[in-house]
Protein backbone atom coordinates (compact mmCIF):
# COMPACT_ATOMS: atom_id res chain seq x y z
CA MET A 1 63.66 -42.20 -20.71
CA PRO A 2 63.84 -38.51 -19.65
CA GLU A 3 67.27 -37.02 -19.04
CA ILE A 4 68.19 -36.33 -15.42
CA LEU A 5 70.57 -33.41 -14.98
CA GLU A 6 72.71 -32.70 -11.94
CA GLN A 7 75.07 -29.84 -11.11
CA GLU A 8 78.08 -32.01 -11.98
CA ASP A 9 76.60 -32.70 -15.44
CA ASN A 10 76.42 -28.97 -16.15
CA GLN A 11 80.02 -28.45 -15.09
CA LEU A 12 81.19 -31.37 -17.24
CA ARG A 13 79.22 -30.06 -20.19
CA LEU A 14 80.72 -26.59 -19.68
CA GLN A 15 84.23 -28.09 -19.78
CA GLN A 16 83.39 -29.94 -22.98
CA ILE A 17 81.98 -26.79 -24.60
CA ASN A 18 85.01 -24.68 -23.63
CA ALA A 19 87.34 -27.35 -25.01
CA ALA A 20 85.32 -27.49 -28.23
CA ILE A 21 85.42 -23.69 -28.59
CA ASP A 22 89.19 -23.68 -28.08
CA SER A 23 89.50 -26.39 -30.77
CA GLY A 24 87.29 -24.48 -33.21
CA MET A 25 84.53 -27.14 -33.15
CA PHE A 26 81.75 -24.54 -33.51
CA VAL A 27 79.34 -26.80 -35.43
CA TYR A 28 79.53 -29.39 -32.64
CA VAL A 29 78.73 -26.73 -30.01
CA ARG A 30 75.85 -25.33 -32.11
CA ASN A 31 74.30 -28.82 -32.42
CA LEU A 32 74.75 -29.42 -28.71
CA PHE A 33 73.01 -26.14 -27.89
CA GLN A 34 69.97 -27.12 -29.95
CA GLU A 35 69.29 -29.96 -27.50
CA MET A 36 69.56 -27.79 -24.37
CA PRO A 37 66.70 -25.89 -22.70
CA ALA A 38 66.91 -22.12 -22.23
CA TYR A 39 67.77 -22.30 -18.53
CA ASP A 40 70.80 -24.52 -19.15
CA LEU A 41 71.96 -22.25 -21.97
CA ALA A 42 71.70 -19.25 -19.63
CA LEU A 43 73.66 -21.17 -17.01
CA MET A 44 76.38 -21.85 -19.57
CA LEU A 45 76.65 -18.15 -20.38
CA GLU A 46 76.73 -17.09 -16.74
CA SER A 47 79.42 -19.70 -16.01
CA SER A 48 81.71 -18.44 -18.78
CA THR A 49 84.14 -15.54 -19.06
CA ALA A 50 83.07 -12.40 -20.92
CA LYS A 51 85.13 -13.30 -23.99
CA THR A 52 83.79 -16.86 -24.27
CA ARG A 53 80.26 -15.70 -23.42
CA LEU A 54 79.87 -13.63 -26.59
CA ALA A 55 81.18 -16.49 -28.73
CA LEU A 56 78.67 -18.89 -27.16
CA TRP A 57 75.83 -16.43 -27.73
CA GLN A 58 76.52 -16.42 -31.47
CA LEU A 59 76.18 -20.22 -31.54
CA ILE A 60 72.75 -20.29 -29.86
CA ASP A 61 69.78 -20.65 -32.21
CA PRO A 62 68.32 -17.12 -32.71
CA ASP A 63 64.85 -18.55 -32.06
CA MET A 64 66.05 -19.32 -28.51
CA HIS A 65 67.55 -15.90 -27.82
CA GLY A 66 64.43 -14.48 -26.20
CA GLU A 67 63.99 -17.41 -23.82
CA VAL A 68 67.66 -17.34 -22.85
CA LEU A 69 67.60 -13.58 -22.18
CA GLU A 70 64.68 -14.12 -19.80
CA GLU A 71 66.78 -16.52 -17.72
CA LEU A 72 69.98 -14.42 -17.54
CA ASN A 73 70.78 -12.19 -14.58
CA GLU A 74 70.80 -8.47 -15.26
CA GLU A 75 74.56 -7.92 -15.50
CA VAL A 76 75.13 -10.75 -17.96
CA ARG A 77 72.08 -9.69 -19.97
CA LYS A 78 73.50 -6.17 -20.28
CA THR A 79 76.75 -7.59 -21.65
CA ILE A 80 74.87 -9.61 -24.28
CA LEU A 81 72.55 -6.76 -25.29
CA LYS A 82 75.46 -4.35 -25.75
CA SER A 83 76.77 -6.62 -28.51
CA MET A 84 73.45 -6.65 -30.40
CA ALA A 85 72.09 -4.13 -32.90
CA PRO A 86 68.74 -2.51 -31.92
CA GLU A 87 66.87 -4.26 -34.76
CA LYS A 88 68.22 -7.62 -33.52
CA VAL A 89 66.97 -6.85 -30.01
CA ALA A 90 63.55 -5.96 -31.42
CA ALA A 91 63.46 -9.23 -33.39
CA VAL A 92 64.31 -11.19 -30.24
CA ALA A 93 61.59 -9.36 -28.29
CA GLU A 94 58.86 -10.48 -30.70
CA GLY A 95 58.69 -13.94 -29.19
CA MET A 96 58.84 -12.84 -25.54
CA ASP A 97 56.10 -12.14 -23.02
CA VAL A 98 55.39 -8.47 -22.44
CA ASP A 99 56.68 -8.49 -18.85
CA ASP A 100 59.94 -10.10 -19.99
CA ILE A 101 60.32 -7.60 -22.85
CA ALA A 102 59.86 -4.75 -20.38
CA GLU A 103 62.49 -6.23 -18.07
CA VAL A 104 64.96 -6.50 -20.97
CA LEU A 105 64.29 -2.97 -22.22
CA ARG A 106 64.83 -1.49 -18.75
CA THR A 107 68.46 -2.65 -18.89
CA LEU A 108 69.16 -0.81 -22.17
CA PRO A 109 70.59 2.71 -22.48
CA ASP A 110 67.92 5.29 -23.36
CA SER A 111 69.21 5.79 -26.92
CA VAL A 112 69.16 2.05 -27.70
CA TYR A 113 65.83 1.63 -25.92
CA GLN A 114 64.19 4.21 -28.19
CA GLN A 115 65.61 2.55 -31.29
CA VAL A 116 64.24 -0.83 -30.21
CA ILE A 117 60.80 0.63 -29.43
CA ASN A 118 60.68 2.37 -32.81
CA THR A 119 61.33 -0.90 -34.68
CA MET A 120 58.31 -2.63 -33.05
CA ASP A 121 54.87 -2.69 -34.63
CA SER A 122 52.22 -0.41 -33.10
CA GLN A 123 50.43 -3.16 -31.16
CA ASP A 124 53.59 -4.55 -29.50
CA ARG A 125 54.83 -1.02 -28.82
CA ALA A 126 51.59 -0.09 -27.03
CA ARG A 127 51.67 -3.24 -24.88
CA VAL A 128 55.32 -2.77 -23.92
CA GLU A 129 54.90 0.93 -23.14
CA GLN A 130 51.96 0.08 -20.89
CA ALA A 131 54.11 -2.42 -18.99
CA LEU A 132 56.95 0.10 -18.74
CA SER A 133 54.59 2.71 -17.29
CA TYR A 134 54.56 0.77 -14.01
CA GLU A 135 57.41 0.55 -11.53
CA GLU A 136 59.70 -2.44 -12.11
CA ASP A 137 59.06 -4.10 -8.74
CA THR A 138 55.26 -3.85 -8.78
CA ALA A 139 52.45 -6.10 -9.97
CA GLY A 140 52.04 -3.94 -13.06
CA GLY A 141 55.74 -4.29 -13.85
CA ILE A 142 55.71 -8.10 -13.80
CA MET A 143 52.25 -8.78 -15.23
CA ASN A 144 51.60 -10.30 -18.65
CA THR A 145 48.88 -8.75 -20.82
CA ASP A 146 48.28 -11.99 -22.74
CA THR A 147 44.97 -13.04 -21.16
CA ILE A 148 41.62 -14.46 -22.29
CA THR A 149 38.55 -12.53 -21.17
CA ILE A 150 34.89 -13.58 -21.43
CA ARG A 151 31.55 -11.89 -20.87
CA PRO A 152 29.26 -12.94 -17.99
CA ASP A 153 26.14 -13.28 -20.18
CA VAL A 154 27.44 -15.85 -22.69
CA THR A 155 27.13 -19.63 -22.44
CA VAL A 156 29.83 -22.22 -21.98
CA ASP A 157 29.20 -23.39 -25.54
CA VAL A 158 30.05 -19.93 -26.91
CA VAL A 159 33.31 -19.89 -24.90
CA LEU A 160 34.30 -23.35 -26.09
CA ARG A 161 33.63 -22.44 -29.73
CA TYR A 162 35.74 -19.30 -29.26
CA LEU A 163 38.60 -21.32 -27.79
CA ARG A 164 38.50 -23.83 -30.64
CA LEU A 165 38.58 -20.96 -33.10
CA LYS A 166 41.53 -19.38 -31.29
CA GLY A 167 43.44 -22.67 -31.42
CA THR A 168 45.92 -22.00 -28.58
CA LEU A 169 45.83 -20.72 -25.02
CA PRO A 170 48.31 -18.32 -23.38
CA GLU A 171 50.99 -20.15 -21.45
CA SER A 172 50.08 -21.18 -17.87
CA THR A 173 46.36 -20.52 -18.40
CA ASP A 174 44.32 -21.97 -15.55
CA SER A 175 41.43 -19.49 -15.51
CA PHE A 176 39.50 -17.11 -17.75
CA TYR A 177 38.67 -13.65 -16.47
CA VAL A 178 35.13 -12.36 -16.64
CA VAL A 179 34.78 -8.65 -17.51
CA ASP A 180 31.96 -6.35 -18.55
CA ARG A 181 31.86 -4.21 -21.70
CA ASN A 182 34.08 -1.60 -20.00
CA ASP A 183 36.68 -4.24 -19.09
CA LEU A 184 35.83 -3.99 -15.39
CA PHE A 185 36.91 -7.17 -13.64
CA ILE A 186 33.98 -9.23 -12.33
CA GLY A 187 35.57 -12.56 -11.44
CA SER A 188 37.13 -15.65 -12.93
CA VAL A 189 36.12 -19.10 -14.11
CA SER A 190 38.63 -21.96 -14.00
CA LEU A 191 39.57 -23.85 -17.14
CA SER A 192 38.47 -27.12 -15.56
CA THR A 193 35.02 -25.66 -14.83
CA ILE A 194 34.60 -24.52 -18.45
CA VAL A 195 35.61 -27.92 -19.79
CA THR A 196 33.29 -29.91 -17.49
CA ALA A 197 30.22 -27.62 -17.42
CA ARG A 198 27.15 -28.22 -19.61
CA PRO A 199 27.19 -26.19 -22.85
CA GLU A 200 23.99 -24.26 -22.08
CA VAL A 201 25.17 -22.96 -18.68
CA ILE A 202 25.59 -19.17 -18.41
CA ILE A 203 29.10 -18.00 -17.41
CA SER A 204 27.80 -15.69 -14.66
CA THR A 205 26.62 -18.75 -12.70
CA LEU A 206 30.14 -20.24 -12.75
CA ILE A 207 32.10 -17.26 -11.45
CA GLU A 208 34.29 -18.19 -8.48
CA ASP A 209 34.10 -16.06 -5.35
CA ASP A 210 37.56 -16.82 -3.92
CA ILE A 211 39.64 -14.97 -6.52
CA THR A 212 40.86 -11.50 -5.55
CA ALA A 213 42.33 -9.07 -8.07
CA VAL A 214 45.74 -7.50 -7.42
CA LYS A 215 46.25 -3.74 -7.77
CA ALA A 216 48.85 -2.79 -10.38
CA ASP A 217 50.88 -0.71 -7.90
CA MET A 218 51.17 -3.49 -5.30
CA PRO A 219 54.84 -4.34 -4.53
CA GLU A 220 55.92 -7.63 -6.09
CA THR A 221 57.00 -9.02 -2.70
CA ASP A 222 53.43 -8.54 -1.42
CA VAL A 223 52.15 -10.31 -4.53
CA ALA A 224 54.44 -13.26 -3.80
CA GLN A 225 53.13 -13.45 -0.24
CA LEU A 226 49.54 -13.58 -1.52
CA PHE A 227 50.41 -16.42 -3.89
CA GLU A 228 52.01 -18.31 -1.02
CA LYS A 229 49.14 -17.60 1.37
CA TYR A 230 46.30 -18.57 -0.97
CA ASP A 231 48.09 -21.14 -3.18
CA TRP A 232 47.26 -19.22 -6.35
CA PHE A 233 48.41 -20.41 -9.76
CA SER A 234 47.62 -17.05 -11.37
CA ALA A 235 46.04 -13.75 -10.37
CA PRO A 236 44.36 -10.90 -12.30
CA VAL A 237 45.87 -7.40 -12.18
CA VAL A 238 43.58 -4.35 -12.21
CA ASP A 239 43.99 -0.57 -12.18
CA ASP A 240 42.55 1.78 -9.55
CA ASP A 241 39.16 1.74 -11.32
CA GLY A 242 38.99 -2.06 -11.37
CA ARG A 243 39.74 -2.50 -15.08
CA LEU A 244 41.56 -5.69 -15.98
CA LEU A 245 45.12 -5.02 -17.14
CA GLY A 246 46.70 -8.47 -17.24
CA ARG A 247 47.68 -11.38 -15.04
CA ILE A 248 50.55 -12.70 -12.95
CA THR A 249 51.40 -16.41 -13.07
CA ILE A 250 53.21 -18.69 -10.66
CA ASP A 251 56.41 -18.77 -12.76
CA ASP A 252 56.75 -15.00 -12.27
CA VAL A 253 56.28 -15.43 -8.53
CA ILE A 254 58.92 -18.16 -8.34
CA ASP A 255 61.36 -15.74 -9.97
CA ILE A 256 60.48 -13.10 -7.37
CA ILE A 257 61.04 -15.51 -4.48
CA ARG A 258 64.37 -16.65 -5.91
CA GLU A 259 65.50 -13.06 -6.51
CA GLU A 260 64.51 -12.05 -2.97
CA ALA A 261 66.51 -14.95 -1.53
CA GLU A 262 69.55 -14.03 -3.62
CA HIS A 263 69.13 -10.37 -2.71
CA SER A 264 69.06 -11.11 1.02
CA MET A 265 72.09 -13.40 0.84
CA MET A 266 74.20 -11.02 -1.27
CA SER A 267 73.12 -7.90 0.61
CA MET A 268 74.52 -9.31 3.84
CA ALA A 269 77.94 -9.09 2.18
CA GLY A 270 77.23 -5.73 0.55
CA LEU A 271 77.08 -7.22 -2.96
CA ASP A 272 74.61 -6.73 -5.79
CA ASP A 273 72.36 -9.77 -6.23
CA GLU A 274 72.70 -9.32 -10.02
CA ALA A 275 76.50 -9.30 -9.86
CA ASP A 276 78.31 -11.15 -12.62
CA THR A 277 80.51 -13.90 -11.17
CA PHE A 278 82.96 -13.53 -14.05
CA ALA A 279 82.91 -9.72 -14.27
CA PRO A 280 86.24 -7.97 -15.08
CA VAL A 281 88.65 -7.54 -12.16
CA VAL A 282 88.50 -3.73 -12.16
CA LYS A 283 84.69 -3.66 -12.16
CA SER A 284 84.45 -6.21 -9.33
CA THR A 285 87.04 -4.27 -7.34
CA GLN A 286 85.08 -1.03 -7.71
CA GLN A 287 81.82 -2.65 -6.62
CA ARG A 288 83.33 -4.22 -3.51
CA SER A 289 85.47 -1.22 -2.53
CA ILE A 290 82.38 0.82 -1.66
CA TRP A 291 81.25 -1.65 0.96
CA LEU A 292 84.79 -2.11 2.28
CA ALA A 293 85.03 1.66 2.72
CA VAL A 294 81.82 1.68 4.75
CA ASN A 295 83.12 -1.12 6.96
CA LEU A 296 86.44 0.69 7.43
CA VAL A 297 84.63 3.77 8.71
CA THR A 298 82.62 1.73 11.21
CA ALA A 299 85.74 -0.15 12.33
CA LEU A 300 87.55 3.16 12.91
CA MET A 301 84.67 4.27 15.13
CA ALA A 302 85.24 1.20 17.33
CA VAL A 303 88.99 1.87 17.31
CA ALA A 304 88.34 5.46 18.42
CA VAL A 305 86.42 4.19 21.45
CA SER A 306 89.28 1.84 22.34
CA ALA A 307 91.73 4.73 22.00
CA MET A 308 89.85 6.58 24.75
CA PHE A 309 91.11 3.93 27.17
CA GLU A 310 94.66 3.70 25.87
CA GLY A 311 96.09 4.44 29.32
CA ILE A 312 94.54 1.51 31.14
CA LEU A 313 95.10 -0.82 28.18
CA SER A 314 98.84 -0.08 28.32
CA GLN A 315 98.96 -0.86 32.04
CA LEU A 316 96.77 -4.00 32.14
CA ALA A 317 97.59 -6.32 29.23
CA ILE A 318 94.78 -8.74 30.15
CA LEU A 319 92.22 -6.09 29.18
CA ALA A 320 93.65 -5.94 25.66
CA ILE A 321 93.34 -9.73 25.45
CA LEU A 322 89.73 -9.80 26.63
CA ASN A 323 88.66 -6.64 24.78
CA THR A 324 87.47 -8.49 21.66
CA LEU A 325 85.36 -11.04 23.54
CA VAL A 326 82.44 -8.84 24.56
CA PRO A 327 81.92 -7.15 21.15
CA SER A 328 82.19 -10.53 19.42
CA MET A 329 79.47 -12.12 21.58
CA GLY A 330 77.27 -9.05 21.13
CA GLY A 331 77.69 -9.17 17.36
CA VAL A 332 76.65 -12.82 17.15
CA ALA A 333 73.64 -12.35 19.44
CA GLY A 334 72.56 -9.19 17.62
CA ASN A 335 72.80 -10.80 14.19
CA GLN A 336 70.61 -13.67 15.39
CA THR A 337 67.90 -11.18 16.37
CA LEU A 338 68.45 -9.07 13.25
CA THR A 339 68.02 -12.06 10.94
CA LEU A 340 64.87 -13.16 12.76
CA VAL A 341 63.29 -9.70 12.57
CA ILE A 342 64.21 -9.13 8.90
CA ARG A 343 62.61 -12.48 8.09
CA GLY A 344 59.53 -11.52 10.11
CA ILE A 345 59.20 -8.20 8.28
CA ALA A 346 59.63 -9.90 4.89
CA LEU A 347 56.92 -12.46 5.70
CA GLY A 348 54.56 -9.85 7.09
CA HIS A 349 54.76 -11.25 10.63
CA ILE A 350 56.12 -8.02 12.14
CA GLY A 351 54.54 -4.60 11.71
CA GLU A 352 53.63 -1.51 13.72
CA SER A 353 50.94 -3.38 15.66
CA ASN A 354 53.30 -5.91 17.23
CA SER A 355 56.77 -4.34 16.96
CA ARG A 356 56.73 -3.36 20.63
CA ILE A 357 55.96 -6.93 21.65
CA ILE A 358 58.92 -8.32 19.71
CA LEU A 359 61.15 -5.56 21.15
CA TYR A 360 60.25 -6.50 24.75
CA LYS A 361 60.68 -10.18 23.94
CA GLU A 362 64.16 -9.73 22.44
CA LEU A 363 65.18 -7.42 25.28
CA ALA A 364 64.28 -10.21 27.70
CA VAL A 365 66.11 -12.81 25.60
CA GLY A 366 69.17 -10.55 25.39
CA PHE A 367 69.15 -9.94 29.15
CA LEU A 368 68.75 -13.64 29.94
CA ASN A 369 71.50 -14.65 27.51
CA GLY A 370 73.66 -11.88 28.93
CA LEU A 371 73.11 -13.18 32.46
CA ILE A 372 73.92 -16.78 31.49
CA TRP A 373 77.09 -15.98 29.57
CA ALA A 374 78.17 -13.31 32.04
CA ILE A 375 78.26 -15.98 34.73
CA VAL A 376 80.09 -18.40 32.44
CA ILE A 377 82.79 -15.97 31.24
CA ALA A 378 83.19 -14.42 34.69
CA GLY A 379 83.79 -17.87 36.13
CA VAL A 380 86.42 -18.61 33.49
CA VAL A 381 88.22 -15.28 34.09
CA VAL A 382 88.13 -15.66 37.90
CA VAL A 383 89.57 -19.20 37.74
CA TRP A 384 92.15 -18.11 35.14
CA LYS A 385 93.35 -14.84 36.71
CA GLN A 386 92.20 -15.29 40.33
CA ASP A 387 90.61 -11.83 40.15
CA LEU A 388 86.99 -11.35 41.25
CA THR A 389 86.90 -7.70 40.19
CA LEU A 390 88.03 -8.50 36.65
CA GLY A 391 85.37 -11.22 36.48
CA ALA A 392 82.72 -8.73 37.61
CA VAL A 393 83.86 -6.21 34.98
CA ILE A 394 83.53 -8.58 32.05
CA ALA A 395 80.26 -10.02 33.42
CA PHE A 396 78.68 -6.57 33.59
CA ALA A 397 79.92 -5.65 30.11
CA MET A 398 78.58 -8.92 28.70
CA MET A 399 75.12 -8.33 30.16
CA VAL A 400 74.98 -4.75 28.88
CA ASN A 401 76.14 -5.63 25.38
CA LEU A 402 73.90 -8.66 24.85
CA THR A 403 70.90 -6.69 26.06
CA ALA A 404 71.82 -3.82 23.72
CA ALA A 405 72.32 -6.33 20.89
CA GLY A 406 68.80 -7.69 21.38
CA ALA A 407 67.25 -4.22 21.29
CA SER A 408 69.35 -3.15 18.29
CA GLY A 409 68.48 -6.30 16.36
CA VAL A 410 64.80 -5.31 16.57
CA LEU A 411 64.98 -1.53 16.25
CA ILE A 412 67.47 -1.28 13.38
CA PRO A 413 65.45 -3.19 10.72
CA ILE A 414 62.17 -1.57 11.80
CA ILE A 415 63.64 1.95 11.58
CA LEU A 416 65.38 1.21 8.26
CA LYS A 417 62.13 -0.17 6.85
CA LYS A 418 60.32 3.05 7.77
CA MET A 419 63.08 5.01 6.01
CA ASN A 420 62.63 2.82 2.88
CA ILE A 421 66.15 1.42 3.29
CA ASP A 422 66.67 -2.31 2.79
CA PRO A 423 67.40 -3.78 6.28
CA ALA A 424 69.27 -6.71 4.72
CA LEU A 425 71.72 -4.32 3.06
CA ALA A 426 72.52 -1.89 5.88
CA GLY A 427 71.31 -3.63 9.03
CA SER A 428 74.32 -5.84 9.68
CA VAL A 429 76.87 -3.01 9.42
CA ILE A 430 74.92 -0.73 11.75
CA LEU A 431 74.36 -3.54 14.24
CA THR A 432 78.04 -4.53 14.29
CA THR A 433 79.03 -0.90 14.85
CA ILE A 434 76.65 -0.58 17.81
CA THR A 435 77.67 -3.86 19.47
CA ASP A 436 81.37 -3.06 18.98
CA ILE A 437 81.09 0.44 20.47
CA VAL A 438 78.76 -0.56 23.32
CA GLY A 439 80.82 -3.68 24.11
CA ILE A 440 84.17 -1.86 24.15
CA PHE A 441 82.82 1.11 26.10
CA ALA A 442 81.04 -1.06 28.66
CA PHE A 443 84.08 -3.29 29.19
CA LEU A 444 86.87 -0.71 29.22
CA GLY A 445 84.75 1.97 30.89
CA THR A 446 83.85 -0.34 33.77
CA ALA A 447 87.46 -1.55 33.96
CA THR A 448 88.72 2.02 34.20
CA TRP A 449 86.25 2.73 36.98
CA LEU A 450 86.98 -0.40 39.03
CA LEU A 451 90.56 -1.30 38.03
CA GLY A 452 92.06 2.06 37.01
CA VAL A 453 95.60 2.54 38.26
C-alpha cells in the first residue's frame, strides 16, 4: 500500500532525525534518507538549522544530491554549495537537467562557477553555457535542451525503430518536435499519435496545428499563463529565427507558479521569497532592517502632517482620538483595490487598453463606500458627542480618503509596472503613505477650518 505523508509526519520525522543526529546514530539516518524522495529531503534541510543542515547533507546519498539541490530554495542551496568543492559540484551537475544546472550555477560566485564549468566535458559545457546565455526569468532560462526531434518526411515506422534503438525517452515527454534540416521548428506530433498510427504513415501528415512555439526571451510568467490558458503539458522554445532550442514542461511551470505565489506573499511584508527560515540572526536582522527603515520614513511623513495641526489637536482631544480612524479605513479600502489590480495585472486581465475603465470603476466604488461609511461614522460621532459639525468633518474626510484610496489602488501598481518595479513589493508601502497623509490632512484640515478655536 502506498505511503501517505502529511505535514505532521514530516515534523515527526524531523524530530526523530535530529534526535538521532544528537545521539550519533548516523547510519540510521543515512538508511532513513535512502527511503525518502528528493522533495522530502529538501524539506528536511530547509527545516533544520545551518549547523545541522550540513551534517544532514553529508548523510544523503551522493546520487540524490542533484535532485535535492533542484528542490532547495536559493538561500539554502547557496549554503550547501559553499561547503562543496568545485569538482563535487560538477559531479552533482552531471545527473541534472540543463535548466536546473543553470539555476544552480547562477547562485555560485564567479570564481567557483568558472571552476565548475571547466571540469565539465565539452558537450555539457556547451549546453549549460547556452542556457546561461538567456535571462534567468525567461523561457530560455528555464527550458530543457533534452528533446527528441524528427523529420517531416520520414514514416512512423522509422520513428518507432529510432525510439527502440534509443531505449529511453526524456522525462515528461508527451510530444516529438518536427524540424527541417536547419532545425527550424515546423510543428509537433504527440506520443500517443506516434504509437497508434500505421507504420507507413508519413510524419508530415500527423503534425498538429494547435501547438505554438514560445520565444526564448518570453518572460517565464507569460509562459506560465500560456500553459494555464491552453492546458499545455509541454511547449517548444525557439529563437528569433524559429530554430528549435529546447522545451518547457509542466513541472517547470508549476515551480514558476509556486515561486510567484511565494514572491507575492513575502513581498507584501518586504521579505525575500528565497529567504532562509533558519538564517543566522544577524543576517535576518539586516534583511528586515531595510524594509523597516522604509516604513519608518513613510510613517514620519504622516507624523509631519499631523504636526502641522498640533495647535488644534492640543485644544480638542477628541480629534486626537478620532485621527487614526480615517487613515485606517482608507488603508484597508486601498489595499483591497491594490490586491485586486495586482492580481489582474499578473493574470493579464488589466493592461493599457482597459486601465482607464478599472480606474473609473474603483473611483466609483471608493466614492460609494466613502458615502456609506461616512454616514455610519458620522452618525456614531453625532450620537456620542452630540456635535453635528464634528460628524460632518469626519464624514467629509472619510469620503475623500476612501475615494483617494480607490484611485491610488489602481494607479500605483499600473505606474510601478510601467517603471519595471514589482507592484507587490512597493505598492503597499506607497498606498499606506498616501492614505495616511490624505486621511490625516482631510480630517485635521477640515477640522481646523470648521472647528478651529
